[in-house]
Amino acid sequence: MPGPGSDDIDGARRELQAALALAREALDRRRAVPVHTPDERAELQRDALAGRLGVDMQRLAEHIENGDESWQEVFEGIAPHGALFDGHLNRMSEEHAEDIRIAIEQDDEFDPLAADPELS
């Protein structure tokens, strides 16, 4: 039984490339919207370097200070030492859990089951 023809393979390759292009465009749009203002990032960097946010955040800020990575990479989940952010993120989630729950409940547009239209 012959395998798929070259037309089938070429068509599948084109579909894959088109899907990848759409995914890259969606990711680029997400990356273009900063998570924090420059002033907020500077404050985060100062607090982290001073040790006010814990030892892991201080180490992460040192890596950022040295140019090993950036806060943008940390927030995108692609920073080489981004795992150092996990403890701080977990602490903040626990500390603000009630506020997060209330904000979600009050957001009429939030649907946890809905897919992100930019990614589909």
C-alpha atoms as a PDB file:
ATOM      1  CA  MET A   1       0.000   0.000   0.000  1.00  0.00           C
ATOM      2  CA  PRO A   2       1.605   3.265  -1.066  1.00  0.00           C
ATOM      3  CA  GLY A   3       2.152   5.989   1.483  1.00  0.00           C
ATOM      4  CA  PRO A   4       0.870   9.517   1.241  1.00  0.00           C
ATOM      5  CA  GLY A   5       1.688  11.254  -2.009  1.00  0.00           C
ATOM      6  CA  SER A   6       3.974  14.247  -2.213  1.00  0.00           C
ATOM      7  CA  ASP A   7       0.925  16.484  -2.774  1.00  0.00           C
ATOM      8  CA  ASP A   8      -0.517  15.284   0.553  1.00  0.00           C
ATOM      9  CA  ILE A   9       2.776  15.884   2.327  1.00  0.00           C
ATOM     10  CA  ASP A  10       3.200  19.317   0.749  1.00  0.00           C
ATOM     11  CA  GLY A  11      -0.362  20.252   1.722  1.00  0.00           C
ATOM     12  CA  ALA A  12       0.170  19.094   5.303  1.00  0.00           C
ATOM     13  CA  ARG A  13       3.457  21.009   5.456  1.00  0.00           C
ATOM     14  CA  ARG A  14       1.722  24.202   4.226  1.00  0.00           C
ATOM     15  CA  GLU A  15      -1.052  23.769   6.808  1.00  0.00           C
ATOM     16  CA  LEU A  16       1.505  23.268   9.564  1.00  0.00           C
ATOM     17  CA  GLN A  17       3.479  26.335   8.471  1.00  0.00           C
ATOM     18  CA  ALA A  18       0.309  28.430   8.369  1.00  0.00           C
ATOM     19  CA  ALA A  19      -0.689  27.247  11.854  1.00  0.00           C
ATOM     20  CA  LEU A  20       2.789  28.018  13.177  1.00  0.00           C
ATOM     21  CA  ALA A  21       2.681  31.484  11.616  1.00  0.00           C
ATOM     22  CA  LEU A  22      -0.658  32.188  13.312  1.00  0.00           C
ATOM     23  CA  ALA A  23       0.689  30.947  16.649  1.00  0.00           C
ATOM     24  CA  ARG A  24       3.792  33.140  16.301  1.00  0.00           C
ATOM     25  CA  GLU A  25       1.637  36.172  15.499  1.00  0.00           C
ATOM     26  CA  ALA A  26      -0.535  35.548  18.570  1.00  0.00           C
ATOM     27  CA  LEU A  27       2.554  35.122  20.744  1.00  0.00           C
ATOM     28  CA  ASP A  28       4.098  38.308  19.349  1.00  0.00           C
ATOM     29  CA  ARG A  29       0.886  40.213  20.144  1.00  0.00           C
ATOM     30  CA  ARG A  30       0.986  38.902  23.712  1.00  0.00           C
ATOM     31  CA  ARG A  31       4.639  39.821  24.113  1.00  0.00           C
ATOM     32  CA  ALA A  32       3.967  43.339  22.817  1.00  0.00           C
ATOM     33  CA  VAL A  33       1.738  44.093  25.818  1.00  0.00           C
ATOM     34  CA  PRO A  34       3.981  44.668  28.828  1.00  0.00           C
ATOM     35  CA  VAL A  35       2.996  43.015  32.087  1.00  0.00           C
ATOM     36  CA  HIS A  36       4.314  45.970  34.083  1.00  0.00           C
ATOM     37  CA  THR A  37       5.261  49.554  33.407  1.00  0.00           C
ATOM     38  CA  PRO A  38       8.978  50.406  33.355  1.00  0.00           C
ATOM     39  CA  ASP A  39       8.569  52.092  36.762  1.00  0.00           C
ATOM     40  CA  GLU A  40       6.921  48.987  38.218  1.00  0.00           C
ATOM     41  CA  ARG A  41       9.719  46.783  36.879  1.00  0.00           C
ATOM     42  CA  ALA A  42      12.339  49.129  38.320  1.00  0.00           C
ATOM     43  CA  GLU A  43      10.596  48.954  41.696  1.00  0.00           C
ATOM     44  CA  LEU A  44      10.397  45.157  41.456  1.00  0.00           C
ATOM     45  CA  GLN A  45      14.096  45.017  40.617  1.00  0.00           C
ATOM     46  CA  ARG A  46      15.009  47.284  43.568  1.00  0.00           C
ATOM     47  CA  ASP A  47      12.866  45.313  46.028  1.00  0.00           C
ATOM     48  CA  ALA A  48      14.178  41.989  44.778  1.00  0.00           C
ATOM     49  CA  LEU A  49      17.828  43.089  44.850  1.00  0.00           C
ATOM     50  CA  ALA A  50      17.369  44.413  48.388  1.00  0.00           C
ATOM     51  CA  GLY A  51      16.099  40.994  49.479  1.00  0.00           C
ATOM     52  CA  ARG A  52      12.629  42.280  50.421  1.00  0.00           C
ATOM     53  CA  LEU A  53      11.001  39.602  48.228  1.00  0.00           C
ATOM     54  CA  GLY A  54      13.011  36.635  49.437  1.00  0.00           C
ATOM     55  CA  VAL A  55      16.312  34.971  48.617  1.00  0.00           C
ATOM     56  CA  ASP A  56      15.177  33.399  45.334  1.00  0.00           C
ATOM     57  CA  MET A  57      13.891  36.715  44.015  1.00  0.00           C
ATOM     58  CA  GLN A  58      17.141  38.358  45.058  1.00  0.00           C
ATOM     59  CA  ARG A  59      19.110  35.759  43.087  1.00  0.00           C
ATOM     60  CA  LEU A  60      16.792  36.232  40.115  1.00  0.00           C
ATOM     61  CA  ALA A  61      17.244  40.014  40.259  1.00  0.00           C
ATOM     62  CA  GLU A  62      21.020  39.506  40.319  1.00  0.00           C
ATOM     63  CA  HIS A  63      20.773  37.447  37.126  1.00  0.00           C
ATOM     64  CA  ILE A  64      18.713  40.225  35.578  1.00  0.00           C
ATOM     65  CA  GLU A  65      21.161  42.863  36.802  1.00  0.00           C
ATOM     66  CA  ASN A  66      23.987  40.885  35.173  1.00  0.00           C
ATOM     67  CA  GLY A  67      22.078  40.727  31.876  1.00  0.00           C
ATOM     68  CA  ASP A  68      21.623  36.948  31.996  1.00  0.00           C
ATOM     69  CA  GLU A  69      17.875  37.396  31.442  1.00  0.00           C
ATOM     70  CA  SER A  70      15.121  40.000  31.697  1.00  0.00           C
ATOM     71  CA  TRP A  71      11.910  40.443  33.637  1.00  0.00           C
ATOM     72  CA  GLN A  72      10.041  40.110  30.346  1.00  0.00           C
ATOM     73  CA  GLU A  73      11.598  36.658  29.872  1.00  0.00           C
ATOM     74  CA  VAL A  74      10.671  35.750  33.453  1.00  0.00           C
ATOM     75  CA  PHE A  75       7.039  36.762  32.898  1.00  0.00           C
ATOM     76  CA  GLU A  76       6.936  34.903  29.565  1.00  0.00           C
ATOM     77  CA  GLY A  77       8.248  31.746  31.237  1.00  0.00           C
ATOM     78  CA  ILE A  78      11.380  31.535  29.075  1.00  0.00           C
ATOM     79  CA  ALA A  79      14.033  32.872  31.467  1.00  0.00           C
ATOM     80  CA  PRO A  80      16.899  30.477  32.186  1.00  0.00           C
ATOM     81  CA  HIS A  81      16.512  31.044  35.945  1.00  0.00           C
ATOM     82  CA  GLY A  82      12.759  31.661  35.874  1.00  0.00           C
ATOM     83  CA  ALA A  83      12.074  28.856  38.351  1.00  0.00           C
ATOM     84  CA  LEU A  84      13.394  31.239  41.013  1.00  0.00           C
ATOM     85  CA  PHE A  85      10.184  33.227  40.453  1.00  0.00           C
ATOM     86  CA  ASP A  86       7.899  30.293  41.335  1.00  0.00           C
ATOM     87  CA  GLY A  87       8.124  30.631  45.119  1.00  0.00           C
ATOM     88  CA  HIS A  88       7.324  34.352  44.998  1.00  0.00           C
ATOM     89  CA  LEU A  89       4.434  33.757  42.605  1.00  0.00           C
ATOM     90  CA  ASN A  90       3.023  31.023  44.851  1.00  0.00           C
ATOM     91  CA  ARG A  91       3.325  33.245  47.945  1.00  0.00           C
ATOM     92  CA  MET A  92       1.573  36.127  46.167  1.00  0.00           C
ATOM     93  CA  SER A  93      -1.176  33.806  44.903  1.00  0.00           C
ATOM     94  CA  GLU A  94      -1.783  32.499  48.415  1.00  0.00           C
ATOM     95  CA  GLU A  95      -1.626  35.963  49.965  1.00  0.00           C
ATOM     96  CA  HIS A  96      -4.082  37.432  47.455  1.00  0.00           C
ATOM     97  CA  ALA A  97      -6.248  34.343  46.872  1.00  0.00           C
ATOM     98  CA  GLU A  98      -9.404  35.957  48.239  1.00  0.00           C
ATOM     99  CA  ASP A  99      -8.931  39.110  46.139  1.00  0.00           C
ATOM    100  CA  ILE A 100      -8.303  36.966  43.050  1.00  0.00           C
ATOM    101  CA  ARG A 101     -11.427  34.889  43.725  1.00  0.00           C
ATOM    102  CA  ILE A 102     -13.560  38.024  44.132  1.00  0.00           C
ATOM    103  CA  ALA A 103     -12.150  39.637  40.980  1.00  0.00           C
ATOM    104  CA  ILE A 104     -12.892  36.501  38.953  1.00  0.00           C
ATOM    105  CA  GLU A 105     -16.409  36.214  40.353  1.00  0.00           C
ATOM    106  CA  GLN A 106     -17.098  39.861  39.517  1.00  0.00           C
ATOM    107  CA  ASP A 107     -15.732  39.603  35.966  1.00  0.00           C
ATOM    108  CA  ASP A 108     -18.774  38.984  33.776  1.00  0.00           C
ATOM    109  CA  GLU A 109     -16.564  38.264  30.770  1.00  0.00           C
ATOM    110  CA  PHE A 110     -14.409  35.623  32.474  1.00  0.00           C
ATOM    111  CA  ASP A 111     -15.160  32.096  31.322  1.00  0.00           C
ATOM    112  CA  PRO A 112     -12.605  29.521  32.507  1.00  0.00           C
ATOM    113  CA  LEU A 113     -13.864  27.054  29.913  1.00  0.00           C
ATOM    114  CA  ALA A 114     -13.587  29.404  26.950  1.00  0.00           C
ATOM    115  CA  ALA A 115     -10.552  29.135  24.726  1.00  0.00           C
ATOM    116  CA  ASP A 116      -8.467  32.230  24.101  1.00  0.00           C
ATOM    117  CA  PRO A 117      -9.597  33.380  20.639  1.00  0.00           C
ATOM    118  CA  GLU A 118      -6.130  34.728  19.835  1.00  0.00           C
ATOM    119  CA  LEU A 119      -4.667  31.272  20.273  1.00  0.00           C
ATOM    120  CA  SER A 120      -7.277  29.329  18.334  1.00  0.00           C
END
